[in-house]
Amino acid sequence: MAKPANLGLPLAAALDRSEPLTGLLRRLAESKARYEAIAELLPPGLRVDTRPGPLDETQWVLLVGHAAAAAKLRQMLPSFKQALLERGWDGPEIRIKILPRSR
Protein backbone atom coordinates (compact mmCIF):
# COMPACT_ATOMS: atom_id res chain seq x y z
CA MET A 1 0.00 0.00 0.00
CA ALA A 2 1.38 3.41 -0.98
CA LYS A 3 1.98 6.15 1.54
CA PRO A 4 -0.38 9.12 1.26
CA ALA A 5 1.08 12.05 -0.63
CA ASN A 6 2.26 15.02 1.39
CA LEU A 7 -0.62 17.45 1.09
CA GLY A 8 1.50 20.50 1.77
CA LEU A 9 1.86 22.65 4.82
CA PRO A 10 0.74 21.61 8.27
CA LEU A 11 -2.48 23.35 9.29
CA ALA A 12 -0.79 25.72 11.77
CA ALA A 13 1.70 26.87 9.14
CA ALA A 14 -1.07 27.40 6.60
CA LEU A 15 -3.04 29.46 9.11
CA ASP A 16 0.01 31.59 9.87
CA ARG A 17 0.49 32.35 6.17
CA SER A 18 -3.13 33.25 5.43
CA GLU A 19 -4.11 36.80 6.42
CA PRO A 20 -7.87 36.10 6.18
CA LEU A 21 -7.57 33.03 8.42
CA THR A 22 -5.24 34.84 10.82
CA GLY A 23 -7.77 37.67 11.07
CA LEU A 24 -10.58 35.19 11.70
CA LEU A 25 -8.62 33.47 14.47
CA ARG A 26 -7.82 36.84 16.03
CA ARG A 27 -11.53 37.84 16.03
CA LEU A 28 -12.53 34.47 17.49
CA ALA A 29 -9.99 34.86 20.30
CA GLU A 30 -11.14 38.41 21.03
CA SER A 31 -14.81 37.33 21.07
CA LYS A 32 -13.96 34.63 23.59
CA ALA A 33 -11.94 37.07 25.72
CA ARG A 34 -14.81 39.57 25.70
CA TYR A 35 -17.20 36.84 26.77
CA GLU A 36 -14.91 35.84 29.63
CA ALA A 37 -14.88 39.49 30.73
CA ILE A 38 -18.68 39.58 31.06
CA ALA A 39 -19.33 35.96 32.11
CA GLU A 40 -18.91 36.84 35.79
CA LEU A 41 -21.88 39.22 35.44
CA LEU A 42 -24.18 36.49 34.11
CA PRO A 43 -26.43 34.59 36.51
CA PRO A 44 -25.51 30.88 36.46
CA GLY A 45 -28.71 29.94 34.62
CA LEU A 46 -27.97 32.40 31.83
CA ARG A 47 -24.32 31.45 31.60
CA VAL A 48 -25.18 27.98 30.29
CA ASP A 49 -27.49 29.48 27.63
CA THR A 50 -25.06 32.16 26.38
CA ARG A 51 -22.10 31.83 24.02
CA PRO A 52 -19.75 34.30 22.36
CA GLY A 53 -20.56 34.87 18.72
CA PRO A 54 -19.07 36.69 15.75
CA LEU A 55 -17.08 39.89 16.18
CA ASP A 56 -16.33 42.44 13.50
CA GLU A 57 -15.80 46.20 13.22
CA THR A 58 -19.50 47.00 13.68
CA GLN A 59 -20.79 44.49 16.24
CA TRP A 60 -20.10 41.72 18.69
CA VAL A 61 -22.81 39.09 18.94
CA LEU A 62 -23.86 37.14 22.01
CA LEU A 63 -25.74 33.97 21.11
CA VAL A 64 -28.51 32.72 23.39
CA GLY A 65 -30.81 29.71 23.42
CA HIS A 66 -34.21 31.35 23.89
CA ALA A 67 -36.14 34.62 23.90
CA ALA A 68 -36.31 34.96 27.70
CA ALA A 69 -32.52 34.81 27.93
CA ALA A 70 -32.22 37.35 25.11
CA ALA A 71 -34.55 39.75 26.94
CA LYS A 72 -32.54 39.48 30.17
CA LEU A 73 -29.23 39.98 28.33
CA ARG A 74 -30.60 43.10 26.64
CA GLN A 75 -31.37 44.50 30.10
CA MET A 76 -27.78 43.75 31.13
CA LEU A 77 -26.13 45.47 28.12
CA PRO A 78 -25.10 48.60 30.08
CA SER A 79 -23.28 46.40 32.63
CA PHE A 80 -21.57 44.46 29.84
CA LYS A 81 -20.45 47.66 28.12
CA GLN A 82 -19.05 49.01 31.38
CA ALA A 83 -17.16 45.77 32.13
CA LEU A 84 -15.67 45.75 28.64
CA LEU A 85 -14.74 49.43 28.84
CA GLU A 86 -12.94 48.82 32.14
CA ARG A 87 -10.84 46.19 30.34
CA GLY A 88 -10.00 48.50 27.44
CA TRP A 89 -12.64 47.49 24.88
CA ASP A 90 -14.63 50.48 23.62
CA GLY A 91 -17.11 49.21 21.04
CA PRO A 92 -18.34 47.76 18.83
CA GLU A 93 -22.07 47.51 19.55
CA ILE A 94 -23.20 44.35 21.37
CA ARG A 95 -26.03 42.46 19.67
CA ILE A 96 -28.05 39.58 21.11
CA LYS A 97 -29.18 36.83 18.75
CA ILE A 98 -31.29 33.77 19.48
CA LEU A 99 -29.92 30.52 18.12
CA PRO A 100 -32.55 28.29 16.54
CA ARG A 101 -32.90 25.01 18.37
CA SER A 102 -31.41 22.07 16.52
CA ARG A 103 -33.62 19.05 16.10
C-alpha atoms as a PDB file:
ATOM      1  CA  MET A   1       0.000   0.000   0.000  1.00  0.00           C
ATOM      2  CA  ALA A   2       1.376   3.408  -0.978  1.00  0.00           C
ATOM      3  CA  LYS A   3       1.979   6.146   1.538  1.00  0.00           C
ATOM      4  CA  PRO A   4      -0.375   9.118   1.264  1.00  0.00           C
ATOM      5  CA  ALA A   5       1.078  12.051  -0.629  1.00  0.00           C
ATOM      6  CA  ASN A   6       2.264  15.025   1.395  1.00  0.00           C
ATOM      7  CA  LEU A   7      -0.621  17.450   1.092  1.00  0.00           C
ATOM      8  CA  GLY A   8       1.502  20.498   1.767  1.00  0.00           C
ATOM      9  CA  LEU A   9       1.856  22.651   4.819  1.00  0.00           C
ATOM     10  CA  PRO A  10       0.744  21.614   8.269  1.00  0.00           C
ATOM     11  CA  LEU A  11      -2.480  23.352   9.292  1.00  0.00           C
ATOM     12  CA  ALA A  12      -0.788  25.715  11.769  1.00  0.00           C
ATOM     13  CA  ALA A  13       1.704  26.866   9.138  1.00  0.00           C
ATOM     14  CA  ALA A  14      -1.071  27.402   6.598  1.00  0.00           C
ATOM     15  CA  LEU A  15      -3.041  29.460   9.110  1.00  0.00           C
ATOM     16  CA  ASP A  16       0.006  31.594   9.870  1.00  0.00           C
ATOM     17  CA  ARG A  17       0.492  32.348   6.169  1.00  0.00           C
ATOM     18  CA  SER A  18      -3.129  33.255   5.431  1.00  0.00           C
ATOM     19  CA  GLU A  19      -4.108  36.800   6.423  1.00  0.00           C
ATOM     20  CA  PRO A  20      -7.874  36.102   6.183  1.00  0.00           C
ATOM     21  CA  LEU A  21      -7.566  33.035   8.421  1.00  0.00           C
ATOM     22  CA  THR A  22      -5.240  34.840  10.822  1.00  0.00           C
ATOM     23  CA  GLY A  23      -7.774  37.670  11.073  1.00  0.00           C
ATOM     24  CA  LEU A  24     -10.580  35.189  11.699  1.00  0.00           C
ATOM     25  CA  LEU A  25      -8.617  33.467  14.467  1.00  0.00           C
ATOM     26  CA  ARG A  26      -7.821  36.841  16.032  1.00  0.00           C
ATOM     27  CA  ARG A  27     -11.528  37.838  16.032  1.00  0.00           C
ATOM     28  CA  LEU A  28     -12.534  34.468  17.492  1.00  0.00           C
ATOM     29  CA  ALA A  29      -9.993  34.856  20.300  1.00  0.00           C
ATOM     30  CA  GLU A  30     -11.145  38.409  21.030  1.00  0.00           C
ATOM     31  CA  SER A  31     -14.805  37.331  21.072  1.00  0.00           C
ATOM     32  CA  LYS A  32     -13.964  34.625  23.589  1.00  0.00           C
ATOM     33  CA  ALA A  33     -11.938  37.073  25.722  1.00  0.00           C
ATOM     34  CA  ARG A  34     -14.810  39.575  25.701  1.00  0.00           C
ATOM     35  CA  TYR A  35     -17.204  36.841  26.773  1.00  0.00           C
ATOM     36  CA  GLU A  36     -14.906  35.840  29.627  1.00  0.00           C
ATOM     37  CA  ALA A  37     -14.879  39.493  30.734  1.00  0.00           C
ATOM     38  CA  ILE A  38     -18.679  39.578  31.061  1.00  0.00           C
ATOM     39  CA  ALA A  39     -19.335  35.963  32.109  1.00  0.00           C
ATOM     40  CA  GLU A  40     -18.912  36.835  35.787  1.00  0.00           C
ATOM     41  CA  LEU A  41     -21.879  39.217  35.437  1.00  0.00           C
ATOM     42  CA  LEU A  42     -24.177  36.485  34.114  1.00  0.00           C
ATOM     43  CA  PRO A  43     -26.428  34.593  36.511  1.00  0.00           C
ATOM     44  CA  PRO A  44     -25.508  30.875  36.455  1.00  0.00           C
ATOM     45  CA  GLY A  45     -28.713  29.941  34.625  1.00  0.00           C
ATOM     46  CA  LEU A  46     -27.968  32.400  31.834  1.00  0.00           C
ATOM     47  CA  ARG A  47     -24.315  31.446  31.605  1.00  0.00           C
ATOM     48  CA  VAL A  48     -25.183  27.979  30.291  1.00  0.00           C
ATOM     49  CA  ASP A  49     -27.485  29.482  27.627  1.00  0.00           C
ATOM     50  CA  THR A  50     -25.059  32.158  26.381  1.00  0.00           C
ATOM     51  CA  ARG A  51     -22.097  31.830  24.016  1.00  0.00           C
ATOM     52  CA  PRO A  52     -19.754  34.305  22.363  1.00  0.00           C
ATOM     53  CA  GLY A  53     -20.561  34.870  18.720  1.00  0.00           C
ATOM     54  CA  PRO A  54     -19.074  36.693  15.752  1.00  0.00           C
ATOM     55  CA  LEU A  55     -17.083  39.889  16.178  1.00  0.00           C
ATOM     56  CA  ASP A  56     -16.327  42.441  13.495  1.00  0.00           C
ATOM     57  CA  GLU A  57     -15.797  46.196  13.225  1.00  0.00           C
ATOM     58  CA  THR A  58     -19.496  46.996  13.680  1.00  0.00           C
ATOM     59  CA  GLN A  59     -20.788  44.495  16.235  1.00  0.00           C
ATOM     60  CA  TRP A  60     -20.099  41.722  18.691  1.00  0.00           C
ATOM     61  CA  VAL A  61     -22.813  39.089  18.942  1.00  0.00           C
ATOM     62  CA  LEU A  62     -23.857  37.137  22.014  1.00  0.00           C
ATOM     63  CA  LEU A  63     -25.737  33.965  21.113  1.00  0.00           C
ATOM     64  CA  VAL A  64     -28.513  32.722  23.392  1.00  0.00           C
ATOM     65  CA  GLY A  65     -30.806  29.714  23.417  1.00  0.00           C
ATOM     66  CA  HIS A  66     -34.214  31.345  23.895  1.00  0.00           C
ATOM     67  CA  ALA A  67     -36.140  34.619  23.899  1.00  0.00           C
ATOM     68  CA  ALA A  68     -36.315  34.965  27.699  1.00  0.00           C
ATOM     69  CA  ALA A  69     -32.522  34.814  27.932  1.00  0.00           C
ATOM     70  CA  ALA A  70     -32.221  37.354  25.112  1.00  0.00           C
ATOM     71  CA  ALA A  71     -34.548  39.746  26.941  1.00  0.00           C
ATOM     72  CA  LYS A  72     -32.542  39.482  30.167  1.00  0.00           C
ATOM     73  CA  LEU A  73     -29.232  39.976  28.333  1.00  0.00           C
ATOM     74  CA  ARG A  74     -30.597  43.097  26.636  1.00  0.00           C
ATOM     75  CA  GLN A  75     -31.370  44.498  30.097  1.00  0.00           C
ATOM     76  CA  MET A  76     -27.783  43.753  31.125  1.00  0.00           C
ATOM     77  CA  LEU A  77     -26.135  45.469  28.121  1.00  0.00           C
ATOM     78  CA  PRO A  78     -25.096  48.597  30.078  1.00  0.00           C
ATOM     79  CA  SER A  79     -23.284  46.401  32.626  1.00  0.00           C
ATOM     80  CA  PHE A  80     -21.572  44.463  29.840  1.00  0.00           C
ATOM     81  CA  LYS A  81     -20.455  47.665  28.123  1.00  0.00           C
ATOM     82  CA  GLN A  82     -19.052  49.011  31.385  1.00  0.00           C
ATOM     83  CA  ALA A  83     -17.156  45.773  32.133  1.00  0.00           C
ATOM     84  CA  LEU A  84     -15.665  45.755  28.641  1.00  0.00           C
ATOM     85  CA  LEU A  85     -14.743  49.430  28.842  1.00  0.00           C
ATOM     86  CA  GLU A  86     -12.941  48.816  32.140  1.00  0.00           C
ATOM     87  CA  ARG A  87     -10.845  46.194  30.339  1.00  0.00           C
ATOM     88  CA  GLY A  88      -9.995  48.497  27.436  1.00  0.00           C
ATOM     89  CA  TRP A  89     -12.643  47.493  24.884  1.00  0.00           C
ATOM     90  CA  ASP A  90     -14.626  50.477  23.623  1.00  0.00           C
ATOM     91  CA  GLY A  91     -17.107  49.213  21.036  1.00  0.00           C
ATOM     92  CA  PRO A  92     -18.337  47.762  18.831  1.00  0.00           C
ATOM     93  CA  GLU A  93     -22.065  47.514  19.553  1.00  0.00           C
ATOM     94  CA  ILE A  94     -23.198  44.354  21.369  1.00  0.00           C
ATOM     95  CA  ARG A  95     -26.029  42.463  19.675  1.00  0.00           C
ATOM     96  CA  ILE A  96     -28.055  39.580  21.107  1.00  0.00           C
ATOM     97  CA  LYS A  97     -29.180  36.826  18.754  1.00  0.00           C
ATOM     98  CA  ILE A  98     -31.295  33.775  19.482  1.00  0.00           C
ATOM     99  CA  LEU A  99     -29.922  30.515  18.124  1.00  0.00           C
ATOM    100  CA  PRO A 100     -32.550  28.290  16.537  1.00  0.00           C
ATOM    101  CA  ARG A 101     -32.904  25.011  18.368  1.00  0.00           C
ATOM    102  CA  SER A 102     -31.412  22.067  16.522  1.00  0.00           C
ATOM    103  CA  ARG A 103     -33.620  19.050  16.098  1.00  0.00           C
END
